Amino acid sequence: MNTTAFKDFINKLSERSDIEIHSIDLGQPASAAVLDDYKGEIPTELLEFYAVMNGCHLYASFKHDRNLEVGINIPAIEYLHAFRPADQTNLNIDEKFLSLEFEWIENNYSPFYYVMALGETDVNQSAIMRLELFPERHMVKAADSLENWMEKAADAGLTVGWASPDFHDNVTAIKKLLSTPPNNNDTKEPIGENNRKTVNRQFRDVNFKISIIGALHELGYYVEEAERIQNENADWDQSHKPIPAVLEFYTNLEIDQNYLDEIEGLYPDGGDLCYQYLFNEWDGEDNQFDIKSLEGIELLTNLKIFEPISMITDDGLDYAPLLLCKNLEKAAPEFIDDDEDGILQQLKDRGVETGDRHSKHNNEVSVSEPVPFDTETKRILVFSLNEFEERFGKLEMDISKTVYESPFYIYDLSLESQGPKFPDEKDISDEDFRTGFEILNKIWLDHIVHSSAMYYTPIFKKEPNPENNKHSISCSYGFAPGYDVNAAIENIARYDFVVVRWEDFWKI
């Protein structure tokens, strides 16, 4: 199956009457100049893909059973990087690989990578591999070519090997549904040339709408409804995928204009409450919920500050709607790469402050670069789950008393060989072991790594990526069952670490 046929397949999916589209975005072809820049850097078959479609995203489910989901996420060519050694990643493999992550949704996100052997210089000798997480991270060959991968995807044939029996039953059902037309002749209107789904008459971009709902959650609005829907779907076990019922609630919600009038500051961030209700667990690494349009921002009639902490696409966001915000006093300029349209200058002419970013968490003024990693002093963040829940709310997980009372710790990955050991740890079950690390993974990805506090702390090394003007951060973490926090801190001191407590981290 070539790219054109695969694009047709996605469009036909979107038009089926038995499928509900939650989000869709099919990229326009990449320009010849952009493709030339990547020749020799990525496989030729990828260049041919991007010549037809510069990335694509689809998330959908069958109407009669929302557990039966299909979707895909292939980032635009601008998000690619060169092949790099695996030791620069968290993957236990010996190859170099292209940091392009495909995702095919079959009731779970299945990540795929282009991988080539060490010493190989021909990028066309790479293979598409699947990352499996259990029993440990390792790579398994997924397809002989991109066309073979797309053919398998269209046939729901990319099921991960470690999935549960229920998962496989769902995939079997998806295969059958995809191979047959709907039971009725009703079809939906085609997506159209721009391949965008109109959310409702208030906001063009559902991702922007969700970020606004996050701001309303901070004011106490729609929290009860979101919590109720999330609790009703507590058995949703696809932790890295949005809960369909919550996504549907956010998408279809007609927001009360009186509530919108109360928003004076908008600070989109991956740690906002809306994403906590939308996901059981989210790594924040994909661009699925990046804001792509600010159309409708003028409905925030009393908006004074617009300072995104994250969640803004790097792919050409139009900032002109900011000019419709009559009460705007401050906007973050670092998200405007250039000012070809004169938006920034027009804002300045109106007296809008475009100074350094202000953080909603600590009321500090940021610097142009994050606080550097302190190589002279080893620091470690130590906290209890009680401290976490006091700040971010109760973890909706089945947590044993032993795990809940354990101290948790996180420090920079470069210090892993010097990390603390806990000789008097209590023996725990495999289930408690998995739960403890699921908690740590959730706290790290959902609340710490994308927070503004990370910008100011010297605990972690922030490696700059000049291609996208962002930083990568890696950590090592653990918990110590059988210890209390004070005993853990006393033990950690033997390893010459300076302990940073939970509240102190957020005050940095």
Protein backbone atom coordinates (compact mmCIF):
# COMPACT_ATOMS: atom_id res chain seq x y z
CA MET A 1 0.00 0.00 0.00
CA ASN A 2 1.56 3.32 -1.05
CA THR A 3 1.07 6.65 0.71
CA THR A 4 -1.70 7.86 -1.60
CA ALA A 5 -3.69 4.67 -0.99
CA PHE A 6 -3.06 4.95 2.75
CA LYS A 7 -4.30 8.54 2.75
CA ASP A 8 -7.42 7.41 0.92
CA PHE A 9 -7.87 4.69 3.53
CA ILE A 10 -7.77 7.27 6.35
CA ASN A 11 -10.23 9.54 4.53
CA LYS A 12 -12.61 6.64 3.94
CA LEU A 13 -12.41 5.78 7.65
CA SER A 14 -13.37 9.35 8.50
CA GLU A 15 -16.45 9.11 6.27
CA ARG A 16 -17.80 5.87 7.72
CA SER A 17 -21.12 6.28 9.51
CA ASP A 18 -20.18 3.71 12.18
CA ILE A 19 -17.01 5.55 13.22
CA GLU A 20 -16.73 8.64 15.40
CA ILE A 21 -13.74 10.87 14.63
CA HIS A 22 -12.26 12.45 17.74
CA SER A 23 -9.46 14.24 15.91
CA ILE A 24 -7.93 14.19 12.43
CA ASP A 25 -5.22 16.18 10.66
CA LEU A 26 -3.64 15.11 7.36
CA GLY A 27 -0.65 17.23 6.42
CA GLN A 28 -0.19 18.89 3.05
CA PRO A 29 2.80 17.65 0.97
CA ALA A 30 6.22 18.82 2.16
CA SER A 31 7.92 21.27 -0.18
CA ALA A 32 10.68 20.17 -2.55
CA ALA A 33 13.16 22.37 -0.66
CA VAL A 34 12.35 20.70 2.66
CA LEU A 35 12.60 17.22 1.12
CA ASP A 36 16.00 18.10 -0.36
CA ASP A 37 17.26 19.05 3.09
CA TYR A 38 16.51 15.52 4.35
CA LYS A 39 17.97 13.54 1.45
CA GLY A 40 20.49 11.04 2.77
CA GLU A 41 19.35 11.72 6.33
CA ILE A 42 16.19 9.61 6.32
CA PRO A 43 15.12 6.59 4.23
CA THR A 44 13.98 7.31 0.68
CA GLU A 45 10.60 5.70 1.34
CA LEU A 46 9.99 8.28 4.07
CA LEU A 47 10.83 11.10 1.68
CA GLU A 48 8.28 9.65 -0.73
CA PHE A 49 5.71 9.53 2.10
CA TYR A 50 6.27 13.18 3.02
CA ALA A 51 6.05 14.21 -0.63
CA VAL A 52 2.40 13.11 -0.46
CA MET A 53 1.51 13.89 3.14
CA ASN A 54 3.66 15.79 5.66
CA GLY A 55 2.55 13.83 8.69
CA CYS A 56 -0.87 12.59 9.68
CA HIS A 57 -2.94 12.17 12.81
CA LEU A 58 -6.19 10.29 13.36
CA TYR A 59 -7.95 9.18 16.52
CA ALA A 60 -11.33 7.46 16.14
CA SER A 61 -13.53 4.78 17.66
CA PHE A 62 -16.48 2.66 16.57
CA LYS A 63 -19.75 4.14 17.78
CA HIS A 64 -21.26 0.92 19.07
CA ASP A 65 -18.21 0.17 21.25
CA ARG A 66 -15.79 2.94 22.18
CA ASN A 67 -13.24 0.36 23.28
CA LEU A 68 -12.72 -0.47 19.60
CA GLU A 69 -10.36 2.27 18.48
CA VAL A 70 -8.27 3.00 15.43
CA GLY A 71 -5.81 5.76 14.73
CA ILE A 72 -2.38 6.81 13.61
CA ASN A 73 0.17 9.45 14.46
CA ILE A 74 3.11 10.16 12.12
CA PRO A 75 4.81 13.50 12.88
CA ALA A 76 5.70 16.06 10.23
CA ILE A 77 9.16 15.87 8.69
CA GLU A 78 10.26 18.91 10.70
CA TYR A 79 10.05 16.80 13.87
CA LEU A 80 12.66 14.29 12.67
CA HIS A 81 16.22 14.00 13.90
CA ALA A 82 19.25 12.17 12.56
CA PHE A 83 19.94 8.56 13.49
CA ARG A 84 21.52 8.51 16.91
CA PRO A 85 23.12 5.87 19.19
CA ALA A 86 20.69 4.04 21.44
CA ASP A 87 22.79 4.88 24.50
CA GLN A 88 21.47 8.43 24.12
CA THR A 89 17.99 7.08 24.76
CA ASN A 90 16.21 4.93 27.32
CA LEU A 91 16.07 1.92 24.96
CA ASN A 92 18.03 -1.25 25.69
CA ILE A 93 19.26 -1.80 22.14
CA ASP A 94 22.66 -1.60 20.42
CA GLU A 95 21.56 0.05 17.19
CA LYS A 96 21.32 3.61 16.01
CA PHE A 97 17.77 4.67 15.32
CA LEU A 98 15.79 7.50 13.83
CA SER A 99 13.81 9.30 16.50
CA LEU A 100 10.63 9.18 14.48
CA GLU A 101 7.82 7.55 16.39
CA PHE A 102 4.90 6.11 14.48
CA GLU A 103 1.85 5.19 16.50
CA TRP A 104 -0.90 2.85 15.40
CA ILE A 105 -3.85 2.72 17.76
CA GLU A 106 -5.49 -0.66 18.34
CA ASN A 107 -6.76 -0.13 21.88
CA ASN A 108 -3.20 0.77 22.80
CA TYR A 109 -0.48 3.03 21.47
CA SER A 110 2.13 0.92 19.68
CA PRO A 111 5.36 2.85 19.03
CA PHE A 112 7.52 2.09 15.98
CA TYR A 113 11.01 3.29 15.02
CA TYR A 114 13.38 3.17 12.10
CA VAL A 115 16.48 1.29 13.32
CA MET A 116 19.80 0.53 11.66
CA ALA A 117 22.84 -1.41 12.89
CA LEU A 118 25.92 0.22 14.32
CA GLY A 119 28.47 0.93 11.60
CA GLU A 120 25.82 1.09 8.87
CA THR A 121 25.91 4.35 6.90
CA ASP A 122 23.13 3.74 4.35
CA VAL A 123 19.87 4.96 5.89
CA ASN A 124 17.96 2.82 3.39
CA GLN A 125 19.26 -0.28 5.15
CA SER A 126 17.24 0.56 8.26
CA ALA A 127 14.18 -1.43 9.29
CA ILE A 128 10.91 -0.51 10.97
CA MET A 129 10.95 -1.94 14.50
CA ARG A 130 8.42 -2.09 17.28
CA LEU A 131 9.31 -1.22 20.86
CA GLU A 132 8.04 -3.74 23.40
CA LEU A 133 8.10 -2.75 27.06
CA PHE A 134 7.68 -6.08 28.80
CA PRO A 135 9.40 -8.01 30.21
CA GLU A 136 11.99 -5.37 29.33
CA ARG A 137 12.49 -2.77 26.65
CA HIS A 138 13.54 -4.40 23.39
CA MET A 139 13.00 -4.08 19.65
CA VAL A 140 11.08 -6.46 17.39
CA LYS A 141 10.90 -6.16 13.59
CA ALA A 142 7.46 -4.87 12.58
CA ALA A 143 7.57 -4.52 8.79
CA ASP A 144 9.86 -4.96 5.79
CA SER A 145 9.09 -1.50 4.43
CA LEU A 146 6.93 1.55 5.03
CA GLU A 147 4.44 0.31 2.43
CA ASN A 148 4.30 -3.04 4.24
CA TRP A 149 3.80 -1.19 7.55
CA MET A 150 0.92 0.87 6.12
CA GLU A 151 -0.67 -2.26 4.67
CA LYS A 152 -0.50 -3.97 8.07
CA ALA A 153 -1.88 -0.86 9.77
CA ALA A 154 -4.85 -0.72 7.42
CA ASP A 155 -5.55 -4.37 8.23
CA ALA A 156 -5.17 -3.82 12.01
CA GLY A 157 -2.16 -6.10 11.86
CA LEU A 158 0.29 -4.29 14.13
CA THR A 159 -0.84 -5.75 17.45
CA VAL A 160 1.81 -5.66 20.16
CA GLY A 161 2.85 -9.08 21.40
CA TRP A 162 2.52 -8.53 25.13
CA ALA A 163 -1.09 -7.36 25.05
CA SER A 164 -3.78 -9.01 27.16
CA PRO A 165 -6.31 -11.57 25.80
CA ASP A 166 -9.03 -8.90 25.98
CA PHE A 167 -6.85 -6.63 23.91
CA HIS A 168 -6.42 -9.29 21.23
CA ASP A 169 -10.18 -9.93 21.21
CA ASN A 170 -10.74 -6.24 20.53
CA VAL A 171 -8.20 -6.22 17.71
CA THR A 172 -9.90 -9.24 16.16
CA ALA A 173 -13.18 -7.31 16.24
CA ILE A 174 -11.49 -4.26 14.67
CA LYS A 175 -10.06 -6.41 11.85
CA LYS A 176 -13.54 -7.72 11.05
CA LEU A 177 -15.12 -4.26 11.14
CA LEU A 178 -12.46 -2.72 8.92
CA SER A 179 -12.93 -5.46 6.33
CA THR A 180 -16.68 -4.83 5.98
CA PRO A 181 -18.69 -1.68 5.15
CA PRO A 182 -21.12 -0.17 7.69
CA ASN A 183 -24.55 -1.78 8.03
CA ASN A 184 -26.30 1.28 6.63
CA ASN A 185 -25.84 3.55 3.68
CA ASP A 186 -25.50 6.76 5.65
CA THR A 187 -22.18 8.49 5.16
CA LYS A 188 -20.72 11.58 6.71
CA GLU A 189 -19.58 14.64 4.83
CA PRO A 190 -15.96 14.35 3.66
CA ILE A 191 -13.39 16.12 5.79
CA GLY A 192 -12.58 18.54 2.98
CA GLU A 193 -9.41 19.98 1.52
CA ASN A 194 -8.00 21.28 4.76
CA ASN A 195 -8.53 17.87 6.44
CA ARG A 196 -9.64 19.43 9.71
CA LYS A 197 -12.61 18.57 11.83
CA THR A 198 -14.65 21.57 12.93
CA VAL A 199 -15.10 21.30 16.68
CA ASN A 200 -18.05 23.65 17.22
CA ARG A 201 -18.94 27.24 16.60
CA GLN A 202 -16.89 28.51 19.55
CA PHE A 203 -13.38 27.28 18.72
CA ARG A 204 -11.86 25.90 15.55
CA ASP A 205 -9.23 23.78 17.34
CA VAL A 206 -10.42 21.27 19.94
CA ASN A 207 -6.94 21.27 21.50
CA PHE A 208 -7.19 24.99 22.16
CA LYS A 209 -10.69 24.51 23.53
CA ILE A 210 -9.41 21.82 25.92
CA SER A 211 -6.67 24.15 27.19
CA ILE A 212 -9.35 26.77 27.90
CA ILE A 213 -11.42 24.19 29.75
CA GLY A 214 -8.27 23.53 31.78
CA ALA A 215 -8.23 27.21 32.76
CA LEU A 216 -11.91 26.97 33.70
CA HIS A 217 -11.16 23.91 35.85
CA GLU A 218 -8.74 26.11 37.81
CA LEU A 219 -11.70 28.44 38.46
CA GLY A 220 -13.83 25.49 39.59
CA TYR A 221 -16.00 25.14 36.48
CA TYR A 222 -16.86 21.78 34.89
CA VAL A 223 -14.63 19.98 37.41
CA GLU A 224 -17.46 17.95 38.90
CA GLU A 225 -18.59 16.78 35.46
CA ALA A 226 -15.08 15.83 34.33
CA GLU A 227 -14.37 13.99 37.59
CA ARG A 228 -17.64 12.10 37.34
CA ILE A 229 -16.99 10.98 33.76
CA GLN A 230 -13.44 9.96 34.63
CA ASN A 231 -14.68 7.96 37.64
CA GLU A 232 -17.35 6.29 35.52
CA ASN A 233 -14.52 5.15 33.25
CA ALA A 234 -12.17 4.07 36.03
CA ASP A 235 -11.73 0.71 34.29
CA TRP A 236 -10.15 2.43 31.26
CA ASP A 237 -6.81 0.63 31.13
CA GLN A 238 -5.23 2.27 28.09
CA SER A 239 -3.17 4.57 30.27
CA HIS A 240 -1.43 6.57 27.56
CA LYS A 241 -4.59 7.22 25.55
CA PRO A 242 -7.31 9.79 26.18
CA ILE A 243 -10.44 8.49 27.85
CA PRO A 244 -12.98 8.63 25.00
CA ALA A 245 -15.89 9.73 27.20
CA VAL A 246 -13.89 12.64 28.65
CA LEU A 247 -12.67 13.65 25.21
CA GLU A 248 -16.24 13.58 23.92
CA PHE A 249 -17.39 15.71 26.87
CA TYR A 250 -14.70 18.31 26.20
CA THR A 251 -15.28 18.28 22.43
CA ASN A 252 -19.05 18.74 22.59
CA LEU A 253 -19.18 21.08 25.58
CA GLU A 254 -20.82 24.43 24.84
CA ILE A 255 -18.96 26.68 27.25
CA ASP A 256 -20.95 29.29 29.15
CA GLN A 257 -19.84 32.74 27.96
CA ASN A 258 -20.10 34.06 31.52
CA TYR A 259 -17.41 31.57 32.52
CA LEU A 260 -15.17 32.57 29.61
CA ASP A 261 -15.51 36.19 30.74
CA GLU A 262 -13.84 35.27 34.05
CA ILE A 263 -10.57 34.06 32.50
CA GLU A 264 -7.89 36.71 32.93
CA GLY A 265 -4.80 34.54 32.39
CA LEU A 266 -4.21 31.63 30.03
CA TYR A 267 -1.13 29.44 30.63
CA PRO A 268 -1.50 26.19 28.63
CA ASP A 269 0.64 23.46 30.22
CA GLY A 270 0.83 19.67 29.98
CA GLY A 271 0.23 19.42 33.72
CA ASP A 272 -3.15 21.21 33.62
CA LEU A 273 -6.18 19.56 35.20
CA CYS A 274 -7.87 18.97 31.85
CA TYR A 275 -5.12 16.52 30.84
CA GLN A 276 -5.27 14.82 34.23
CA TYR A 277 -8.94 14.09 33.63
CA LEU A 278 -8.40 13.26 29.96
CA PHE A 279 -5.67 10.68 30.56
CA ASN A 280 -4.93 8.09 33.19
CA GLU A 281 -1.33 8.55 32.17
CA TRP A 282 0.26 10.68 29.46
CA ASP A 283 3.93 11.11 28.59
CA GLY A 284 3.34 14.47 26.92
CA GLU A 285 5.80 13.62 24.22
CA ASP A 286 3.42 13.40 21.29
CA ASN A 287 1.93 16.45 19.61
CA GLN A 288 -1.64 15.15 19.66
CA PHE A 289 -2.88 17.93 21.94
CA ASP A 290 -0.65 20.72 20.70
CA ILE A 291 -2.62 23.89 20.01
CA LYS A 292 -2.86 24.58 16.27
CA SER A 293 -5.24 27.54 16.16
CA LEU A 294 -6.12 30.41 18.50
CA GLU A 295 -9.33 31.24 16.65
CA GLY A 296 -12.00 32.09 19.21
CA ILE A 297 -9.61 33.50 21.81
CA GLU A 298 -11.49 36.80 21.55
CA LEU A 299 -14.32 35.06 23.45
CA LEU A 300 -12.09 35.42 26.50
CA THR A 301 -13.24 39.00 26.78
CA ASN A 302 -11.20 39.84 29.89
CA LEU A 303 -8.00 38.00 28.98
CA LYS A 304 -5.02 39.99 30.22
CA ILE A 305 -2.16 37.48 30.05
CA PHE A 306 -1.43 34.82 27.43
CA GLU A 307 1.75 32.93 28.33
CA PRO A 308 1.89 29.31 27.15
CA ILE A 309 4.19 27.10 29.20
CA SER A 310 3.88 24.32 26.63
CA MET A 311 1.25 22.78 24.30
CA ILE A 312 1.99 25.14 21.39
CA THR A 313 2.71 23.55 18.01
CA ASP A 314 6.06 24.35 16.39
CA ASP A 315 4.42 24.15 12.99
CA GLY A 316 3.27 27.62 12.05
CA LEU A 317 0.69 28.87 14.56
CA ASP A 318 -1.12 32.05 13.50
CA TYR A 319 -1.00 34.57 16.37
CA ALA A 320 -3.22 37.16 14.65
CA PRO A 321 -6.25 36.26 16.85
CA LEU A 322 -4.37 37.82 19.80
CA LEU A 323 -5.02 41.19 18.19
CA LEU A 324 -8.74 40.67 18.87
CA CYS A 325 -8.15 40.48 22.64
CA LYS A 326 -8.97 44.05 23.62
CA ASN A 327 -7.83 43.76 27.26
CA LEU A 328 -4.57 41.89 26.62
CA GLU A 329 -1.73 43.31 28.71
CA LYS A 330 1.00 40.68 28.37
CA ALA A 331 1.95 37.93 25.89
CA ALA A 332 4.92 35.54 25.77
CA PRO A 333 7.09 36.43 22.76
CA GLU A 334 9.25 33.29 22.66
CA PHE A 335 6.49 31.42 20.87
CA ILE A 336 6.65 33.80 17.92
CA ASP A 337 9.67 32.67 15.91
CA ASP A 338 9.59 35.67 13.61
CA ASP A 339 7.34 38.65 13.08
CA GLU A 340 6.83 38.56 9.33
CA ASP A 341 3.18 39.57 9.72
CA GLY A 342 3.97 42.28 12.25
CA ILE A 343 1.80 40.67 14.98
CA LEU A 344 4.35 41.22 17.73
CA GLN A 345 4.93 44.83 16.70
CA GLN A 346 1.20 45.52 16.60
CA LEU A 347 0.86 44.12 20.11
CA LYS A 348 3.72 46.32 21.31
CA ASP A 349 2.18 49.35 19.64
CA ARG A 350 -0.97 48.70 21.66
CA GLY A 351 1.07 48.67 24.87
CA VAL A 352 1.04 44.89 25.35
CA GLU A 353 4.06 43.79 27.37
CA THR A 354 6.13 41.17 25.58
CA GLY A 355 8.80 40.61 28.25
CA ASP A 356 10.02 37.30 29.68
CA ARG A 357 7.57 34.59 30.58
CA HIS A 358 5.76 34.54 33.91
CA SER A 359 5.03 31.21 35.56
CA LYS A 360 1.61 30.49 37.01
CA HIS A 361 3.23 28.11 39.51
CA ASN A 362 5.85 30.25 41.22
CA ASN A 363 5.39 33.85 40.05
CA GLU A 364 9.03 34.05 39.03
CA VAL A 365 10.45 35.65 35.89
CA SER A 366 12.22 33.17 33.65
CA VAL A 367 15.60 33.66 32.03
CA SER A 368 16.40 33.01 28.39
CA GLU A 369 18.03 29.67 29.27
CA PRO A 370 17.02 27.19 31.99
CA VAL A 371 19.03 26.99 35.21
CA PRO A 372 22.01 24.72 34.44
CA PHE A 373 22.63 21.33 36.01
CA ASP A 374 24.85 21.61 39.09
CA THR A 375 27.78 19.27 38.39
CA GLU A 376 29.41 20.07 41.74
CA THR A 377 26.48 19.10 43.97
CA LYS A 378 24.48 15.89 43.64
CA ARG A 379 20.82 16.62 44.32
CA ILE A 380 17.85 14.30 44.69
CA LEU A 381 14.11 15.04 44.96
CA VAL A 382 12.45 13.10 47.81
CA PHE A 383 8.73 13.07 48.57
CA SER A 384 5.80 11.05 49.85
CA LEU A 385 2.59 10.32 47.97
CA ASN A 386 0.73 12.27 50.60
CA GLU A 387 2.79 15.35 49.67
CA PHE A 388 2.11 14.74 45.99
CA GLU A 389 -1.65 14.42 46.53
CA GLU A 390 -1.80 17.57 48.63
CA ARG A 391 -0.59 19.49 45.58
CA PHE A 392 -2.10 17.62 42.63
CA GLY A 393 -5.02 15.66 44.04
CA LYS A 394 -5.67 12.02 44.73
CA LEU A 395 -4.10 9.38 42.51
CA GLU A 396 -6.93 7.29 41.07
CA MET A 397 -4.99 4.04 41.37
CA ASP A 398 -5.19 0.88 43.47
CA ILE A 399 -2.23 1.50 45.80
CA SER A 400 -1.34 -0.77 48.70
CA LYS A 401 -0.52 0.66 52.14
CA THR A 402 3.11 -0.44 51.74
CA VAL A 403 3.58 1.46 48.48
CA TYR A 404 1.63 4.50 49.63
CA GLU A 405 3.78 4.92 52.77
CA SER A 406 7.06 4.47 50.90
CA PRO A 407 9.32 7.45 50.22
CA PHE A 408 9.83 8.21 46.52
CA TYR A 409 12.91 9.78 44.94
CA ILE A 410 14.01 11.15 41.56
CA TYR A 411 17.44 12.36 40.39
CA ASP A 412 19.34 12.96 37.17
CA LEU A 413 20.12 9.90 35.05
CA SER A 414 23.81 10.83 34.82
CA LEU A 415 24.11 10.08 38.56
CA GLU A 416 22.53 6.63 38.35
CA SER A 417 25.77 4.76 39.09
CA GLN A 418 26.18 6.86 42.26
CA GLY A 419 22.55 6.58 43.31
CA PRO A 420 21.48 5.59 46.80
CA LYS A 421 20.85 1.99 47.87
CA PHE A 422 18.42 0.97 50.60
CA PRO A 423 19.71 -2.18 52.32
CA ASP A 424 16.73 -2.50 54.66
CA GLU A 425 14.04 -2.35 51.99
CA LYS A 426 10.96 -4.44 52.66
CA ASP A 427 10.26 -7.29 50.24
CA ILE A 428 7.19 -6.50 48.15
CA SER A 429 5.04 -8.29 45.58
CA ASP A 430 5.54 -7.98 41.85
CA GLU A 431 2.24 -6.11 41.69
CA ASP A 432 3.41 -3.54 44.26
CA PHE A 433 6.69 -3.22 42.36
CA ARG A 434 4.88 -2.44 39.11
CA THR A 435 2.47 -0.06 40.84
CA GLY A 436 5.29 1.90 42.44
CA PHE A 437 7.02 2.48 39.13
CA GLU A 438 3.76 3.27 37.34
CA ILE A 439 3.22 5.99 39.95
CA LEU A 440 6.72 7.36 39.43
CA ASN A 441 6.33 7.33 35.67
CA LYS A 442 3.02 9.19 35.95
CA ILE A 443 4.38 11.80 38.37
CA TRP A 444 7.50 12.39 36.29
CA LEU A 445 5.79 12.66 32.91
CA ASP A 446 2.50 14.28 33.89
CA HIS A 447 3.63 16.72 36.57
CA ILE A 448 7.39 17.27 36.73
CA VAL A 449 9.12 17.11 33.36
CA HIS A 450 6.83 19.68 31.67
CA SER A 451 6.48 21.97 34.69
CA SER A 452 7.92 25.45 34.93
CA ALA A 453 9.69 24.38 38.15
CA MET A 454 11.89 22.16 35.99
CA TYR A 455 13.08 25.31 34.23
CA TYR A 456 14.52 26.67 37.48
CA THR A 457 15.97 23.63 39.22
CA PRO A 458 19.65 22.59 39.09
CA ILE A 459 18.68 18.98 39.97
CA PHE A 460 18.37 17.84 36.36
CA LYS A 461 20.50 18.25 33.26
CA LYS A 462 18.66 19.99 30.41
CA GLU A 463 20.22 18.98 27.09
CA PRO A 464 19.40 21.56 24.37
CA ASN A 465 18.04 20.45 21.02
CA PRO A 466 18.82 23.26 18.55
CA GLU A 467 16.47 21.80 15.94
CA ASN A 468 13.30 22.50 17.92
CA ASN A 469 14.53 24.93 20.59
CA LYS A 470 13.57 22.50 23.35
CA HIS A 471 15.46 20.52 25.98
CA SER A 472 15.59 16.82 26.75
CA ILE A 473 15.74 15.58 30.34
CA SER A 474 16.38 12.06 31.64
CA CYS A 475 16.00 10.82 35.17
CA SER A 476 16.44 7.80 37.41
CA TYR A 477 13.82 7.13 40.04
CA GLY A 478 12.72 4.65 42.66
CA PHE A 479 10.97 4.11 45.96
CA ALA A 480 12.03 2.52 49.24
CA PRO A 481 9.36 0.25 50.80
CA GLY A 482 9.86 -0.25 54.51
CA TYR A 483 11.45 3.17 55.03
CA ASP A 484 9.74 6.36 56.09
CA VAL A 485 10.78 9.66 54.53
CA ASN A 486 13.10 10.69 57.37
CA ALA A 487 14.88 7.31 57.41
CA ALA A 488 15.25 7.45 53.62
CA ILE A 489 16.76 10.94 53.80
CA GLU A 490 19.20 9.80 56.48
CA ASN A 491 20.24 6.87 54.29
CA ILE A 492 20.56 9.05 51.16
CA ALA A 493 22.91 11.41 53.01
CA ARG A 494 25.47 8.57 53.16
CA TYR A 495 25.78 8.83 49.39
CA ASP A 496 26.62 12.56 49.50
CA PHE A 497 23.34 13.68 47.93
CA VAL A 498 21.67 16.94 48.90
CA VAL A 499 17.98 16.24 49.42
CA VAL A 500 15.40 18.58 47.90
CA ARG A 501 11.97 18.20 49.48
CA TRP A 502 8.72 18.30 47.46
CA GLU A 503 7.50 21.76 48.45
CA ASP A 504 10.98 23.25 48.08
CA PHE A 505 11.16 21.94 44.51
CA TRP A 506 8.01 23.82 43.55
CA LYS A 507 9.25 27.00 45.23
CA ILE A 508 12.48 27.10 43.21
